[in-house]
Amino acid sequence: MQAARVRAKVSTVSAGQTAGGEFLVRFWGVRGSIAAPGPATARYGGNTSSIEVRCGGRLILLDAGTGMRYLGNRLVAEGAVDADIFFTHTHFDHICGLPFFKPFFQPQNAFRLWAGHLGAGMTLQRVLREFMAAPLFPVPPEVFKANMEYRDFKGGDTLAPAAGIVVRTAVLNHPDGATGYRIEYGGKSICYVTDTEHLPGSPDRRVLGLIAGADIVIYDCMYTDEEYAKSYVGWGHSTWQEAVRLCQAAGVKKLVVFHHDPDHDDERLDAIAGEVATAMPGAVLAREGLVLQP
């Protein structure tokens, strides 16, 4: 295994110059904080954050919640895997799928794991080693047989993981830090902005800059404005109403409501979906299995 701290460079290649093939996002886990499986959440899904992005022949994964296990099972059937995994942060619900991701145990595979929220001498490799250590877990990351590279960067950097792909980043407002991403490919863009808390009445300028004019924005909509104001100020999450305000201000084409509260069952999410559709036509609620193309 290799570890590397990289200072990301600004790409001089536009996202569309060498791009070819499909650009899509597929949802494997859409729930926040803790997995919530069961009949009451079956339609939207109970797995925590895990997203697959295809940029032509390149594979990018966003976060590694419990949904990552199902994604891994599918990738095993596809043959050798070469992918970049970008973490918003390393809270448990966003990394707990890692030890159960079967492609990590196959030597023909290669992964580059990226994180931009850590500091003070902490690295992504160290975090994952401590996560997979006794008495919390029986085996360390060294059991993985794939080629694993760990790449730490600074939130706000612009990354170029492959020719024709640009990944822009922004610092998010979340306990212990988090990073938002904008993936640009073929002249289109998909943004992933989750685990961030807004300041009511004051739009987050970093988020607005990241999502400006984006084709798809996946945003942390864990609460409603009413729930947030009553019980969740300071918890590090946002609301679907704030998502609408930000996306309308930034000229976003499609909003995806994401990181559903584990206490919001299918009926509650159906009700939210109706309100969201009225507030911003074309917006959708994330559900497991959903595939979107910008």
Protein backbone atom coordinates (compact mmCIF):
# COMPACT_ATOMS: atom_id res chain seq x y z
CA MET A 1 0.00 0.00 0.00
CA GLN A 2 1.07 3.53 -0.68
CA ALA A 3 0.34 6.74 1.16
CA ALA A 4 0.78 10.19 -0.31
CA ARG A 5 -0.05 13.72 0.73
CA VAL A 6 -0.63 15.67 -2.45
CA ARG A 7 -1.21 19.36 -2.94
CA ALA A 8 -3.73 19.32 -5.75
CA LYS A 9 -2.91 21.36 -8.79
CA VAL A 10 -5.29 23.43 -10.82
CA SER A 11 -5.90 21.62 -14.08
CA THR A 12 -5.05 23.40 -17.31
CA VAL A 13 -7.30 21.03 -19.25
CA SER A 14 -10.97 21.91 -19.45
CA ALA A 15 -13.41 19.21 -18.42
CA GLY A 16 -14.68 18.77 -21.96
CA GLN A 17 -11.50 18.65 -24.03
CA THR A 18 -10.87 14.92 -24.00
CA ALA A 19 -14.19 13.73 -22.63
CA GLY A 20 -16.16 11.03 -24.35
CA GLY A 21 -18.93 8.67 -23.33
CA GLU A 22 -21.71 8.85 -20.80
CA PHE A 23 -21.74 11.01 -17.69
CA LEU A 24 -24.11 9.73 -15.02
CA VAL A 25 -24.68 9.44 -11.30
CA ARG A 26 -26.20 6.39 -9.58
CA PHE A 27 -27.35 6.31 -5.95
CA TRP A 28 -26.53 3.32 -3.72
CA GLY A 29 -27.12 4.91 -0.31
CA VAL A 30 -29.14 8.06 0.38
CA ARG A 31 -29.74 8.04 4.13
CA GLY A 32 -28.00 10.18 6.75
CA SER A 33 -26.37 9.43 10.11
CA ILE A 34 -27.35 5.78 10.50
CA ALA A 35 -28.71 3.06 8.26
CA ALA A 36 -32.48 2.70 8.55
CA PRO A 37 -33.56 -0.44 6.68
CA GLY A 38 -37.06 -1.85 6.88
CA PRO A 39 -40.49 -1.81 5.26
CA ALA A 40 -41.09 1.84 6.20
CA THR A 41 -38.03 2.99 4.20
CA ALA A 42 -38.05 0.42 1.39
CA ARG A 43 -38.95 2.76 -1.47
CA TYR A 44 -36.29 5.41 -0.87
CA GLY A 45 -33.80 3.09 0.81
CA GLY A 46 -32.18 2.79 4.21
CA ASN A 47 -28.46 2.70 3.35
CA THR A 48 -26.09 5.54 4.18
CA SER A 49 -24.24 7.71 1.67
CA SER A 50 -22.74 5.95 -1.34
CA ILE A 51 -22.74 7.34 -4.88
CA GLU A 52 -21.32 6.14 -8.18
CA VAL A 53 -20.35 8.57 -10.95
CA ARG A 54 -19.38 7.40 -14.44
CA CYS A 55 -17.32 9.75 -16.58
CA GLY A 56 -17.09 7.80 -19.80
CA GLY A 57 -14.74 4.93 -18.93
CA ARG A 58 -13.67 6.44 -15.59
CA LEU A 59 -15.28 5.53 -12.28
CA ILE A 60 -15.60 7.93 -9.36
CA LEU A 61 -17.17 6.97 -6.03
CA LEU A 62 -18.44 9.49 -3.50
CA ASP A 63 -18.37 8.41 0.16
CA ALA A 64 -18.48 4.86 1.50
CA GLY A 65 -21.58 4.32 3.61
CA THR A 66 -23.47 1.04 3.91
CA GLY A 67 -24.67 1.33 0.31
CA MET A 68 -21.10 0.75 -0.82
CA ARG A 69 -21.39 -2.98 -0.11
CA TYR A 70 -24.04 -3.40 -2.80
CA LEU A 71 -22.06 -1.29 -5.24
CA GLY A 72 -19.03 -3.48 -4.59
CA ASN A 73 -20.99 -6.65 -5.32
CA ARG A 74 -21.93 -5.26 -8.71
CA LEU A 75 -18.42 -4.08 -9.53
CA VAL A 76 -16.98 -7.53 -8.79
CA ALA A 77 -19.12 -8.89 -11.60
CA GLU A 78 -17.76 -6.27 -14.02
CA GLY A 79 -14.12 -7.33 -13.83
CA ALA A 80 -11.05 -5.27 -12.93
CA VAL A 81 -11.82 -1.94 -11.24
CA ASP A 82 -9.79 1.27 -11.33
CA ALA A 83 -11.47 4.09 -9.42
CA ASP A 84 -11.12 7.26 -7.38
CA ILE A 85 -13.02 7.52 -4.09
CA PHE A 86 -13.72 11.00 -2.73
CA PHE A 87 -14.80 11.38 0.89
CA THR A 88 -16.80 14.36 2.11
CA HIS A 89 -15.51 13.48 5.59
CA THR A 90 -14.81 10.45 7.75
CA HIS A 91 -17.72 10.27 10.16
CA PHE A 92 -18.82 6.68 10.66
CA ASP A 93 -21.90 6.73 8.40
CA HIS A 94 -19.73 7.81 5.46
CA ILE A 95 -16.98 5.18 5.83
CA CYS A 96 -18.61 2.14 7.44
CA GLY A 97 -19.02 0.35 4.10
CA LEU A 98 -15.29 0.30 3.38
CA PRO A 99 -14.37 -2.99 5.10
CA PHE A 100 -17.19 -4.76 3.24
CA PHE A 101 -16.34 -3.51 -0.27
CA LYS A 102 -15.32 -6.68 -2.10
CA PRO A 103 -13.22 -5.03 -4.85
CA PHE A 104 -10.69 -4.00 -2.17
CA PHE A 105 -9.87 -7.67 -1.70
CA GLN A 106 -8.99 -8.34 -5.35
CA PRO A 107 -5.36 -7.75 -6.41
CA GLN A 108 -6.24 -6.74 -9.99
CA ASN A 109 -7.99 -3.59 -8.76
CA ALA A 110 -6.64 -0.10 -8.04
CA PHE A 111 -8.11 2.71 -5.94
CA ARG A 112 -7.12 6.23 -5.06
CA LEU A 113 -8.79 7.49 -1.88
CA TRP A 114 -9.08 11.27 -1.47
CA ALA A 115 -9.94 13.48 1.53
CA GLY A 116 -9.65 17.23 2.01
CA HIS A 117 -11.04 17.86 5.48
CA LEU A 118 -8.23 16.57 7.67
CA GLY A 119 -5.41 18.55 9.24
CA ALA A 120 -3.12 18.87 12.25
CA GLY A 121 -1.04 15.88 11.17
CA MET A 122 -4.03 13.61 10.58
CA THR A 123 -4.16 11.73 7.26
CA LEU A 124 -6.83 9.67 5.56
CA GLN A 125 -4.70 6.55 5.82
CA ARG A 126 -4.28 7.03 9.55
CA VAL A 127 -8.01 7.62 10.06
CA LEU A 128 -8.95 4.43 8.24
CA ARG A 129 -6.25 2.43 10.01
CA GLU A 130 -7.57 3.57 13.39
CA PHE A 131 -11.16 2.89 12.29
CA MET A 132 -10.23 -0.68 11.31
CA ALA A 133 -8.34 -1.47 14.50
CA ALA A 134 -9.07 -3.51 17.63
CA PRO A 135 -11.29 -3.33 19.55
CA LEU A 136 -13.41 -1.61 16.91
CA PHE A 137 -12.66 -3.95 14.00
CA PRO A 138 -10.83 -7.29 13.77
CA VAL A 139 -8.55 -6.61 10.77
CA PRO A 140 -6.60 -3.54 9.52
CA PRO A 141 -6.67 -1.99 6.01
CA GLU A 142 -3.53 -3.97 5.20
CA VAL A 143 -5.80 -6.96 4.48
CA PHE A 144 -6.90 -5.22 1.27
CA LYS A 145 -5.20 -6.80 -1.75
CA ALA A 146 -5.98 -4.07 -4.28
CA ASN A 147 -3.48 -1.29 -4.94
CA MET A 148 -4.58 1.39 -2.44
CA GLU A 149 -3.31 4.98 -2.60
CA TYR A 150 -4.29 7.59 0.00
CA ARG A 151 -4.31 11.20 -1.18
CA ASP A 152 -4.88 14.09 1.21
CA PHE A 153 -5.54 17.56 -0.17
CA LYS A 154 -6.73 20.91 1.13
CA GLY A 155 -10.40 21.86 0.84
CA GLY A 156 -10.72 24.48 -1.89
CA ASP A 157 -8.15 22.80 -4.16
CA THR A 158 -8.98 21.80 -7.72
CA LEU A 159 -8.13 18.22 -8.61
CA ALA A 160 -7.51 16.47 -11.93
CA PRO A 161 -7.95 12.72 -11.26
CA ALA A 162 -7.89 11.85 -14.97
CA ALA A 163 -7.70 13.48 -18.38
CA GLY A 164 -10.90 15.34 -19.15
CA ILE A 165 -12.16 15.27 -15.55
CA VAL A 166 -11.92 18.25 -13.20
CA VAL A 167 -12.98 18.00 -9.55
CA ARG A 168 -13.44 21.31 -7.79
CA THR A 169 -13.75 21.34 -4.00
CA ALA A 170 -15.03 23.62 -1.25
CA VAL A 171 -14.91 23.61 2.54
CA LEU A 172 -18.27 22.79 4.17
CA ASN A 173 -19.62 23.74 7.60
CA HIS A 174 -19.71 20.48 9.56
CA PRO A 175 -18.27 19.21 12.86
CA ASP A 176 -14.71 17.90 12.24
CA GLY A 177 -14.81 19.40 8.75
CA ALA A 178 -16.18 18.24 5.40
CA THR A 179 -15.62 18.83 1.70
CA GLY A 180 -18.03 19.54 -1.13
CA TYR A 181 -17.27 18.40 -4.70
CA ARG A 182 -18.06 19.56 -8.22
CA ILE A 183 -17.24 16.98 -10.92
CA GLU A 184 -16.90 18.46 -14.42
CA TYR A 185 -16.83 16.26 -17.48
CA GLY A 186 -17.83 16.73 -21.11
CA GLY A 187 -19.01 20.29 -20.48
CA LYS A 188 -21.44 19.14 -17.74
CA SER A 189 -21.25 19.20 -13.95
CA ILE A 190 -22.46 17.18 -10.96
CA CYS A 191 -22.07 18.64 -7.46
CA TYR A 192 -22.08 16.68 -4.21
CA VAL A 193 -22.67 18.93 -1.20
CA THR A 194 -23.62 16.98 1.88
CA ASP A 195 -23.04 17.25 5.62
CA THR A 196 -23.08 21.00 5.71
CA GLU A 197 -24.99 23.45 7.91
CA HIS A 198 -26.27 26.79 6.67
CA LEU A 199 -26.65 30.04 8.58
CA PRO A 200 -30.30 31.08 8.23
CA GLY A 201 -30.63 34.24 6.18
CA SER A 202 -27.02 34.16 5.00
CA PRO A 203 -26.32 31.91 1.97
CA ASP A 204 -23.03 30.03 2.15
CA ARG A 205 -20.84 31.78 -0.42
CA ARG A 206 -18.51 28.82 -0.72
CA VAL A 207 -21.41 26.55 -1.63
CA LEU A 208 -22.86 29.12 -4.04
CA GLY A 209 -19.51 29.36 -5.79
CA LEU A 210 -19.18 25.61 -6.04
CA ILE A 211 -22.64 24.96 -7.47
CA ALA A 212 -22.97 28.01 -9.74
CA GLY A 213 -24.68 26.99 -12.99
CA ALA A 214 -24.34 23.27 -12.20
CA ASP A 215 -26.41 20.68 -14.05
CA ILE A 216 -27.07 18.51 -10.98
CA VAL A 217 -26.64 19.39 -7.30
CA ILE A 218 -26.95 16.69 -4.64
CA TYR A 219 -27.49 18.54 -1.36
CA ASP A 220 -27.79 17.76 2.36
CA CYS A 221 -31.55 18.09 3.01
CA MET A 222 -31.71 16.15 6.26
CA TYR A 223 -34.28 18.43 7.88
CA THR A 224 -37.07 20.84 7.09
CA ASP A 225 -36.66 24.49 8.08
CA GLU A 226 -39.12 23.92 10.92
CA GLU A 227 -37.30 20.84 12.25
CA TYR A 228 -33.93 22.56 11.99
CA ALA A 229 -34.96 25.68 13.90
CA LYS A 230 -36.70 23.67 16.62
CA SER A 231 -34.15 20.95 17.38
CA TYR A 232 -31.06 20.75 15.17
CA VAL A 233 -29.13 24.01 15.11
CA GLY A 234 -25.43 23.16 15.41
CA TRP A 235 -25.81 19.54 14.30
CA GLY A 236 -24.04 20.15 10.98
CA HIS A 237 -26.89 19.60 8.51
CA SER A 238 -29.16 21.64 6.29
CA THR A 239 -32.73 21.67 4.94
CA TRP A 240 -34.49 21.13 1.65
CA GLN A 241 -35.76 24.70 1.73
CA GLU A 242 -32.19 26.00 1.99
CA ALA A 243 -31.25 23.73 -0.90
CA VAL A 244 -33.95 25.34 -3.02
CA ARG A 245 -32.83 28.83 -2.05
CA LEU A 246 -29.20 28.08 -2.89
CA CYS A 247 -29.96 26.30 -6.17
CA GLN A 248 -32.29 29.03 -7.37
CA ALA A 249 -29.73 31.71 -6.50
CA ALA A 250 -26.96 29.76 -8.25
CA GLY A 251 -28.90 28.92 -11.42
CA VAL A 252 -28.76 25.16 -10.84
CA LYS A 253 -30.64 23.02 -13.36
CA LYS A 254 -31.63 20.08 -11.12
CA LEU A 255 -31.66 19.68 -7.34
CA VAL A 256 -31.42 16.22 -5.75
CA VAL A 257 -32.63 16.09 -2.13
CA PHE A 258 -30.20 13.82 -0.26
CA HIS A 259 -29.05 12.54 3.16
CA HIS A 260 -32.54 11.75 4.38
CA ASP A 261 -33.19 11.78 8.12
CA PRO A 262 -33.37 8.17 9.39
CA ASP A 263 -36.67 9.10 11.06
CA HIS A 264 -38.21 10.23 7.77
CA ASP A 265 -40.04 7.17 6.43
CA ASP A 266 -41.33 6.76 2.88
CA GLU A 267 -44.61 8.52 3.61
CA ARG A 268 -42.83 11.50 5.13
CA LEU A 269 -40.44 11.68 2.17
CA ASP A 270 -43.36 11.49 -0.26
CA ALA A 271 -44.84 14.55 1.44
CA ILE A 272 -41.50 16.37 1.25
CA ALA A 273 -41.18 15.41 -2.42
CA GLY A 274 -44.48 17.10 -3.16
CA GLU A 275 -43.40 20.30 -1.41
CA VAL A 276 -40.02 20.28 -3.14
CA ALA A 277 -41.58 19.80 -6.58
CA THR A 278 -43.79 22.82 -6.00
CA ALA A 279 -40.92 24.98 -4.75
CA MET A 280 -38.48 23.95 -7.50
CA PRO A 281 -40.01 22.07 -10.45
CA GLY A 282 -37.79 19.28 -11.69
CA ALA A 283 -36.17 18.64 -8.33
CA VAL A 284 -36.18 15.03 -7.11
CA LEU A 285 -35.59 13.10 -3.92
CA ALA A 286 -32.67 10.69 -3.99
CA ARG A 287 -33.56 7.02 -3.72
CA GLU A 288 -31.51 3.88 -4.02
CA GLY A 289 -31.17 2.84 -7.65
CA LEU A 290 -31.89 6.29 -9.06
CA VAL A 291 -29.77 7.13 -12.12
CA LEU A 292 -29.48 10.66 -13.49
CA GLN A 293 -27.61 12.16 -16.42
CA PRO A 294 -26.85 15.89 -16.67
